[in-house]
Protein backbone atom coordinates (compact mmCIF):
# COMPACT_ATOMS: atom_id res chain seq x y z
CA MET A 1 200.43 86.21 98.25
CA ASN A 2 198.29 83.42 98.95
CA ALA A 3 195.05 82.64 96.34
CA PRO A 4 191.61 83.63 98.45
CA TYR A 5 189.98 80.78 101.18
CA ASP A 6 186.95 79.09 100.36
CA ASP A 7 184.71 79.90 102.76
CA ALA A 8 182.05 77.22 102.49
CA ALA A 9 183.24 75.30 105.33
CA GLY A 10 183.14 78.16 107.81
CA SER A 11 182.37 81.89 108.38
CA SER A 12 184.89 84.39 109.18
CA ALA A 13 183.38 84.84 112.78
CA SER A 14 183.96 80.93 113.43
CA ARG A 15 187.21 81.28 112.24
CA ALA A 16 188.13 84.32 114.44
CA ARG A 17 187.49 82.44 117.24
CA LEU A 18 189.78 79.40 116.44
CA ILE A 19 193.75 79.36 117.24
CA THR A 20 196.54 79.28 114.30
CA THR A 21 199.25 76.89 114.95
CA PRO A 22 202.21 77.63 112.91
CA LEU A 23 202.67 74.52 110.50
CA THR A 24 206.04 73.14 111.49
CA PRO A 25 207.99 69.72 110.44
CA GLU A 26 207.04 68.52 114.00
CA LEU A 27 203.71 68.06 113.07
CA VAL A 28 204.15 66.35 110.15
CA ARG A 29 204.96 62.51 109.51
CA GLY A 30 205.47 60.45 106.42
CA ALA A 31 207.49 63.28 104.46
CA LEU A 32 210.92 63.09 104.04
CA GLU A 33 211.24 66.87 103.21
CA LEU A 34 209.02 70.14 103.64
CA GLU A 35 209.39 72.84 100.88
CA ARG A 36 208.26 76.24 101.81
CA THR A 37 206.18 77.78 99.06
CA GLU A 38 204.41 81.01 98.40
CA HIS A 39 201.16 79.39 100.15
CA GLY A 40 202.53 77.34 102.87
CA LEU A 41 204.84 73.78 103.02
CA LEU A 42 204.63 71.43 100.32
CA PRO A 43 205.36 68.19 101.61
CA HIS A 44 208.05 66.20 99.19
CA ARG A 45 208.46 61.87 99.84
CA LEU A 46 211.79 62.41 98.02
CA PRO A 47 214.61 64.94 99.32
CA ALA A 48 215.82 67.79 96.66
CA ARG A 49 219.11 65.89 95.68
CA ALA A 50 216.82 62.97 94.37
CA ARG A 51 214.69 65.20 92.98
CA ALA A 52 217.04 66.92 91.06
CA GLN A 53 218.91 63.67 89.72
CA SER A 54 215.27 62.34 88.49
CA GLY A 55 214.60 64.82 85.37
CA ASP A 56 211.29 62.98 85.19
CA GLY A 57 207.90 64.29 85.09
CA GLN A 58 205.90 61.46 86.39
CA LEU A 59 208.01 61.11 89.28
CA ALA A 60 208.12 64.80 89.90
CA ALA A 61 204.15 64.56 90.50
CA ALA A 62 204.18 61.00 91.99
CA GLU A 63 206.65 62.04 94.99
CA ALA A 64 204.80 65.35 95.53
CA LYS A 65 201.59 63.55 96.38
CA PRO A 66 201.71 62.92 100.11
CA SER A 67 200.58 59.15 100.10
CA GLY A 68 201.20 58.61 103.52
CA VAL A 69 201.76 61.71 104.78
CA ARG A 70 199.75 63.25 108.04
CA LEU A 71 199.67 65.67 110.44
CA VAL A 72 199.93 64.08 113.88
CA LEU A 73 199.61 65.82 116.99
CA ARG A 74 197.91 66.14 120.49
CA THR A 75 194.88 68.42 121.70
CA ARG A 76 191.35 68.95 123.44
CA ALA A 77 190.36 70.10 120.20
CA THR A 78 186.69 69.83 119.39
CA THR A 79 186.99 71.79 115.78
CA VAL A 80 190.16 71.22 113.21
CA GLU A 81 190.24 73.54 110.22
CA LEU A 82 193.27 72.91 107.67
CA ASP A 83 193.59 75.40 104.77
CA THR A 84 195.16 73.51 101.86
CA LEU A 85 195.72 74.37 98.09
CA PRO A 86 195.45 71.03 96.25
CA THR A 87 196.68 70.48 92.72
CA LYS A 88 194.42 67.84 91.15
CA THR A 89 194.82 65.88 88.21
CA ALA A 90 192.37 65.51 85.15
CA TYR A 91 192.42 63.34 82.00
CA ARG A 92 191.29 64.71 79.16
CA GLY A 93 188.64 62.45 78.13
CA ALA A 94 188.59 60.31 80.99
CA PRO A 95 186.02 60.11 83.62
CA PRO A 96 186.02 63.01 86.27
CA ARG A 97 188.21 62.13 89.13
CA PRO A 98 186.64 62.85 92.64
CA ASP A 99 188.34 65.43 94.83
CA GLY A 100 191.41 63.91 97.37
CA LEU A 101 189.80 62.93 100.23
CA TYR A 102 191.06 63.85 104.44
CA ASP A 103 190.62 61.39 106.70
CA LEU A 104 190.76 61.93 110.44
CA VAL A 105 191.93 59.24 112.92
CA VAL A 106 191.28 59.64 116.60
CA ASP A 107 193.02 57.51 119.17
CA GLY A 108 193.79 55.22 116.28
CA GLY A 109 190.36 55.10 115.07
CA PHE A 110 188.79 56.37 111.85
CA ALA A 111 186.50 59.56 113.19
CA ALA A 112 185.64 61.49 109.98
CA GLN A 113 186.45 62.49 106.30
CA ALA A 114 186.47 65.58 104.03
CA SER A 115 187.24 67.03 100.83
CA ALA A 116 189.01 70.59 100.07
CA SER A 117 187.17 72.43 97.39
CA GLY A 118 188.85 74.91 94.76
CA GLY A 119 192.80 74.01 94.22
CA ASN A 120 194.99 73.91 91.00
CA VAL A 121 194.24 71.46 88.34
CA MET A 122 196.19 69.87 85.65
CA THR A 123 195.11 68.59 83.01
CA VAL A 124 197.18 65.66 80.73
CA ASP A 125 196.04 64.88 77.52
CA ILE A 126 196.61 60.40 77.56
CA SER A 127 197.35 60.66 73.86
CA THR A 128 200.03 63.36 73.79
CA GLY A 129 201.16 63.70 76.99
CA ALA A 130 200.58 67.50 77.07
CA SER A 131 199.23 69.06 80.22
CA GLU A 132 197.54 72.18 81.14
CA PHE A 133 197.81 73.97 84.33
CA GLN A 134 194.81 76.19 86.14
CA PRO A 135 195.35 77.71 88.87
CA GLY A 136 193.10 77.98 91.69
CA PRO A 137 191.87 78.79 95.01
CA VAL A 138 192.93 78.02 98.52
CA GLY A 139 190.40 75.78 100.11
CA THR A 140 189.53 74.23 103.64
CA VAL A 141 188.61 71.11 105.39
CA ARG A 142 186.71 71.20 108.61
CA PHE A 143 185.92 68.71 111.48
CA THR A 144 183.54 69.75 114.61
CA GLY A 145 182.07 67.85 117.21
CA LEU A 146 185.33 66.10 118.06
CA ASP A 147 185.56 64.96 121.97
CA ASP A 148 186.24 67.51 124.00
CA ARG A 149 189.54 65.66 125.88
CA MET A 150 193.02 64.97 125.15
CA LYS A 151 193.64 63.15 122.37
CA HIS A 152 195.95 61.71 119.33
CA VAL A 153 194.62 63.23 116.25
CA GLU A 154 196.20 62.28 112.57
CA LEU A 155 194.67 64.01 109.51
CA TRP A 156 195.95 61.96 106.45
CA LEU A 157 196.62 64.11 103.21
CA PRO A 158 195.04 63.09 99.89
CA HIS A 159 197.43 60.04 98.62
CA ASN A 160 196.59 61.16 94.81
CA GLU A 161 196.84 64.87 94.64
CA MET A 162 199.69 67.40 95.64
CA THR A 163 199.06 69.38 98.80
CA GLU A 164 200.43 71.92 99.89
CA LEU A 165 199.80 73.15 104.01
CA VAL A 166 198.52 76.42 104.52
CA ALA A 167 197.20 76.80 107.62
CA LEU A 168 196.17 75.05 110.72
CA ARG A 169 193.37 76.25 113.23
CA THR A 170 191.44 74.74 116.43
CA ASP A 171 189.80 75.46 119.26
CA ALA A 172 192.06 74.55 122.13
CA PRO A 173 196.36 74.35 122.05
CA VAL A 174 198.23 71.89 119.75
CA GLU A 175 201.35 69.87 120.68
CA PRO A 176 203.27 67.98 118.62
CA VAL A 177 203.36 64.23 119.45
CA PRO A 178 207.27 63.56 119.79
CA PRO A 179 208.51 60.43 117.65
CA GLY A 180 209.83 57.45 119.03
CA GLY A 181 207.06 55.57 120.30
CA ARG A 182 206.17 53.20 117.79
CA LYS A 183 208.75 51.41 114.80
CA VAL A 184 209.40 53.43 112.18
CA TRP A 185 208.49 51.23 108.64
CA LEU A 186 209.89 52.47 105.52
CA HIS A 187 208.44 50.82 102.11
CA HIS A 188 208.68 51.30 98.13
CA GLY A 189 206.65 50.36 95.60
CA SER A 190 204.65 51.00 92.46
CA SER A 191 201.11 52.95 92.08
CA ILE A 192 199.97 49.77 94.12
CA SER A 193 201.31 51.16 97.36
CA HIS A 194 201.28 54.63 96.47
CA GLY A 195 197.59 53.55 96.64
CA SER A 196 195.91 53.92 93.33
CA ASP A 197 192.26 53.05 93.26
CA ALA A 198 192.17 52.88 97.17
CA ALA A 199 189.14 54.70 98.56
CA SER A 200 191.24 57.23 100.99
CA PRO A 201 194.83 57.69 102.34
CA SER A 202 194.62 55.67 105.38
CA THR A 203 193.24 52.82 103.37
CA THR A 204 195.92 52.31 101.17
CA TRP A 205 196.79 48.75 101.63
CA PRO A 206 200.23 50.12 103.34
CA ALA A 207 198.52 52.43 105.49
CA LEU A 208 195.96 49.54 106.49
CA ALA A 209 199.12 47.21 107.15
CA ALA A 210 201.12 49.64 108.99
CA SER A 211 197.58 50.27 110.78
CA LEU A 212 197.82 46.61 111.74
CA GLY A 213 200.98 46.18 112.48
CA GLY A 214 201.37 48.93 114.99
CA VAL A 215 204.27 50.78 113.44
CA ASP A 216 204.69 54.49 111.68
CA LEU A 217 204.69 54.40 108.13
CA VAL A 218 206.85 56.12 105.26
CA ASN A 219 205.47 55.61 102.34
CA LEU A 220 207.76 55.48 99.06
CA GLY A 221 205.00 53.89 96.68
CA LEU A 222 206.02 55.97 93.85
CA GLY A 223 202.96 55.75 91.32
CA GLY A 224 205.05 54.87 87.85
CA SER A 225 208.32 55.26 89.49
CA ALA A 226 209.25 52.19 90.95
CA MET A 227 212.33 51.78 88.98
CA LEU A 228 215.30 50.87 91.40
CA ASP A 229 216.71 54.31 90.87
CA ALA A 230 220.03 54.67 92.56
CA PHE A 231 218.82 58.25 94.24
CA THR A 232 215.66 56.26 95.40
CA ALA A 233 218.14 53.39 97.41
CA ARG A 234 219.84 56.40 98.79
CA ALA A 235 216.79 58.46 100.21
CA MET A 236 215.76 54.98 102.00
CA ARG A 237 219.65 54.51 103.02
CA ASP A 238 219.72 58.29 104.63
CA THR A 239 216.05 57.32 106.15
CA PRO A 240 215.48 56.50 109.50
CA ALA A 241 213.76 53.42 109.99
CA ASP A 242 213.40 49.71 112.02
CA LEU A 243 211.70 48.25 109.24
CA ILE A 244 212.14 48.28 105.53
CA SER A 245 210.26 46.38 102.46
CA VAL A 246 210.84 47.31 99.09
CA LYS A 247 208.11 45.39 96.10
CA ILE A 248 209.73 45.65 92.54
CA GLY A 249 208.57 44.59 89.36
CA ILE A 250 205.44 45.90 87.86
CA ASN A 251 206.73 49.38 86.82
CA LEU A 252 209.87 47.60 85.15
CA VAL A 253 207.37 45.66 83.05
CA ASN A 254 204.88 48.21 82.04
CA GLY A 255 207.53 50.86 81.52
CA ASP A 256 210.04 48.54 79.70
CA VAL A 257 212.74 50.13 80.92
CA MET A 258 215.53 47.48 81.21
CA ARG A 259 216.51 43.59 80.05
CA LEU A 260 217.18 41.08 82.44
CA ARG A 261 220.98 41.22 82.04
CA ALA A 262 220.45 45.10 83.87
CA PHE A 263 217.39 44.03 86.37
CA THR A 264 220.03 41.61 88.13
CA PRO A 265 222.55 44.10 89.06
CA ALA A 266 220.24 46.94 89.36
CA VAL A 267 218.87 44.96 92.48
CA HIS A 268 221.80 43.89 93.72
CA GLY A 269 222.87 47.57 93.61
CA PHE A 270 219.51 48.69 94.98
CA LEU A 271 219.76 46.38 98.24
CA ASP A 272 223.42 46.82 98.75
CA THR A 273 222.55 50.95 99.14
CA ILE A 274 220.06 50.64 101.17
CA ARG A 275 222.18 47.76 103.80
CA GLU A 276 224.83 50.90 103.72
CA GLY A 277 222.65 52.56 106.25
CA HIS A 278 220.74 49.75 107.74
CA PRO A 279 222.87 46.57 108.17
CA GLU A 280 220.67 45.23 110.62
CA VAL A 281 217.30 46.40 109.69
CA PRO A 282 214.93 43.22 108.88
CA LEU A 283 214.52 44.06 104.94
CA LEU A 284 211.59 42.55 103.23
CA VAL A 285 211.80 41.71 99.43
CA VAL A 286 208.18 41.70 97.80
CA SER A 287 207.43 40.32 94.59
CA PRO A 288 205.11 41.60 92.10
CA ILE A 289 200.97 40.85 93.09
CA LEU A 290 199.30 38.95 89.98
CA CYS A 291 198.19 41.36 86.88
CA PRO A 292 197.42 38.63 84.06
CA MET A 293 198.42 41.03 81.30
CA HIS A 294 201.81 40.69 82.22
CA GLU A 295 202.14 37.63 84.01
CA ASP A 296 204.17 36.54 81.00
CA THR A 297 203.59 39.32 78.45
CA PRO A 298 206.14 41.75 78.38
CA GLY A 299 205.37 45.53 78.18
CA PRO A 300 205.34 48.63 77.33
CA GLY A 301 202.24 49.00 78.88
CA ALA A 302 199.74 51.32 77.62
CA PHE A 303 196.18 52.95 77.36
CA ASP A 304 193.49 51.53 75.85
CA PHE A 305 192.00 53.82 73.99
CA ALA A 306 189.18 51.96 72.80
CA ALA A 307 188.18 52.11 76.29
CA LEU A 308 189.38 55.70 76.65
CA GLY A 309 186.69 56.65 73.97
CA GLU A 310 183.88 54.73 76.10
CA GLY A 311 184.79 56.74 78.96
CA ARG A 312 186.80 53.91 80.55
CA LEU A 313 190.28 53.90 81.71
CA ARG A 314 192.13 50.55 81.13
CA PHE A 315 195.41 49.45 80.15
CA ARG A 316 196.82 46.74 78.01
CA ALA A 317 200.35 44.87 77.49
CA THR A 318 201.52 45.40 74.03
CA GLY A 319 204.66 43.13 73.89
CA ASP A 320 205.48 40.02 72.31
CA PRO A 321 205.85 36.58 75.25
CA ALA A 322 208.69 35.20 72.56
CA GLU A 323 210.85 38.29 73.45
CA ARG A 324 211.20 36.84 76.93
CA ALA A 325 213.62 34.86 75.17
CA ALA A 326 215.81 37.87 74.77
CA GLY A 327 215.74 39.20 78.24
CA LYS A 328 212.51 40.99 78.05
CA LEU A 329 211.23 41.26 81.58
CA THR A 330 207.67 39.53 82.71
CA LEU A 331 206.32 39.41 86.11
CA ASN A 332 207.06 35.62 86.28
CA VAL A 333 210.61 36.45 85.05
CA ILE A 334 210.69 38.76 87.92
CA ARG A 335 209.68 36.72 90.33
CA ASP A 336 212.45 34.00 89.85
CA GLU A 337 214.78 36.24 89.63
CA LEU A 338 213.98 37.32 93.01
CA SER A 339 213.47 34.30 94.56
CA ARG A 340 217.52 33.59 93.45
CA ILE A 341 218.96 36.93 94.21
CA VAL A 342 217.05 36.77 98.00
CA GLY A 343 218.39 33.19 98.12
CA GLN A 344 221.98 33.96 97.15
CA ARG A 345 221.79 36.94 99.20
CA SER A 346 220.76 36.11 102.54
CA ALA A 347 223.34 33.28 102.90
CA ASP A 348 225.15 36.43 104.27
CA ASP A 349 222.34 38.61 105.10
CA PRO A 350 219.84 36.36 107.64
CA ARG A 351 217.68 39.66 108.05
CA LEU A 352 217.09 39.58 104.11
CA TYR A 353 213.64 38.38 103.45
CA LEU A 354 211.34 37.52 100.39
CA LEU A 355 207.65 37.65 100.42
CA ASP A 356 205.73 36.49 97.11
CA GLY A 357 203.51 38.77 95.98
CA ARG A 358 201.02 36.68 94.82
CA GLU A 359 200.07 35.38 98.50
CA LEU A 360 198.88 39.12 98.80
CA TYR A 361 196.92 38.97 96.06
CA GLY A 362 196.92 35.48 93.35
CA ARG A 363 194.71 33.96 90.86
CA ALA A 364 191.46 33.30 93.04
CA ASP A 365 191.59 37.15 94.33
CA PHE A 366 191.50 38.12 90.67
CA GLU A 367 188.28 36.36 90.50
CA THR A 368 186.33 37.73 93.40
CA TYR A 369 188.03 41.23 93.07
CA PRO A 370 189.38 41.97 89.48
CA LEU A 371 191.46 44.63 88.47
CA PRO A 372 189.29 47.33 87.25
CA ASP A 373 191.60 48.94 84.72
CA GLU A 374 193.84 45.46 83.90
CA LEU A 375 196.68 46.82 86.34
CA HIS A 376 195.49 48.05 89.54
CA PRO A 377 193.91 46.74 92.71
CA ASP A 378 190.61 48.55 93.68
CA ALA A 379 189.42 49.47 97.44
CA ALA A 380 188.14 45.88 98.44
CA ALA A 381 191.56 44.78 97.33
CA HIS A 382 193.57 47.15 98.69
CA ARG A 383 192.15 46.09 102.45
CA LEU A 384 192.93 42.45 101.27
CA ILE A 385 196.24 43.03 100.48
CA GLY A 386 196.92 45.22 103.71
CA GLU A 387 195.51 42.47 106.02
CA ARG A 388 197.43 39.72 104.33
CA PHE A 389 200.65 41.89 104.15
CA ALA A 390 199.96 42.72 108.23
CA GLU A 391 199.91 39.03 108.77
CA ARG A 392 202.50 37.79 106.76
CA ALA A 393 204.58 40.90 107.87
CA PHE A 394 203.52 41.60 111.28
CA GLY A 395 202.56 38.32 112.76
CA ALA A 396 203.95 35.61 114.46
CA GLY A 397 206.99 34.47 112.64
CA GLY A 398 206.88 37.29 110.28
CA PRO A 399 210.07 39.18 109.48
CA PHE A 400 208.60 42.42 110.94
CA ALA A 401 207.30 40.75 114.34
CA ALA A 402 207.38 42.34 117.48
CA GLY A 403 210.76 41.69 118.87
CA ASP A 404 212.39 40.48 116.03
């Protein structure tokens, strides 16, 4: 049975005048799979087969946070309500995290923003990794005062909290928007691509770049989980796409998961698998943006517990730079090797491209937009990265330019 509704967003009488539209896959963009739950639909950004092969709680949490997932519909409605059951994450000892945001975009322009009250809470103890789950009620986001005309409506789900879709209500009929009007851009990366510290779901750097590039985004940015996993490559292989990019590096360093000997064939294997399903699609490899703590210092990365004691979330590198000689990865090591790999492969793969991540965010940008936790860009830096990616990838002469 569904959890009780939160009625703060509207009275029962007003809801009675609205039309309830079944939530179907035709209304959802950006998810690779929709799981039927006791409450409704849970969007997933990796298919069940990939999830079954990971065995990792970090990845399970990341892929179920619907970065880039949105409801897309046409309607004359002036009121739109969505019942959802969020699962919010809290970190014991860290400052409270704000509720996730829902962005309403109408005819391509930002229109409104709201949050859903209620929801489940997963509290994580950073020092031990232990977690505690507390169930909560379904909440509602409500948008009113929309123009009474037929329009293209997108409701972007929070990029940073799991969101089960429970019910959709409007004051006019809703119809799905058939796919195929724009190219599909499939992107994979780390928490930076996922949207960590972005202001809202439509302002993560990939969402901003997609808007500027006029494409439909499928965002496989997986916080903490861009590990060159074979199951992620297979998911990308099997996902229809017109443009593909992979941003490789930071999680491999701060996770300290492999050495250079394993990294090189893992990159080749990842790209080979994508090419099995997309032999002619423009494929852009993006190396890491600047992150001073890992430029020449290997991982693993760790929480700075001194900062946590002061109520701040901050990361630090714990590796020894001397270990690079033994094959430990740093961001500079990865950039050099990605440049070599793409140069080697592009002789036989002319639609394979490389973008140095420091063109998106480099040393001068760090002085102006420092990383608040030493790892993740803030909202202003997300906008900068999105604009620069759009210019370099979708602009004239870029690998994703119109007509390519």
